[in-house]
Amino acid sequence: MEKKNFAGRNSSIPREIIFEIFSWLPARSVMRFKCVARFCNSFISEANFVNIHARRSIYDPSWWNKILFARKEISFLYY
């Protein structure tokens, strides 16, 4: 039996759809998904994802103190 990745090559959900869904989640939920699979960790850590998530979070007053930040010098995400 072939092992299926969370959203890898055997997934029926396109990466773009997962990216879109995750970009609307609160930062705390997004950070939890980093531990689910390497795939999640890799695309959540991308600067493009962090920028889109930050832009969307600004418009939701309940998330004003929970925005993702990425630092290039250190490969960590902060919220």
Foldseek 3Di string as FASTA:
>chain_A
DDDDDPAPPPDPDHPVVVLVVLLQDFLVVLVVCCVVGVVSVVVCQDPVSLVSSQVNQVPPVVRPPGGWDADPVDSDIDD
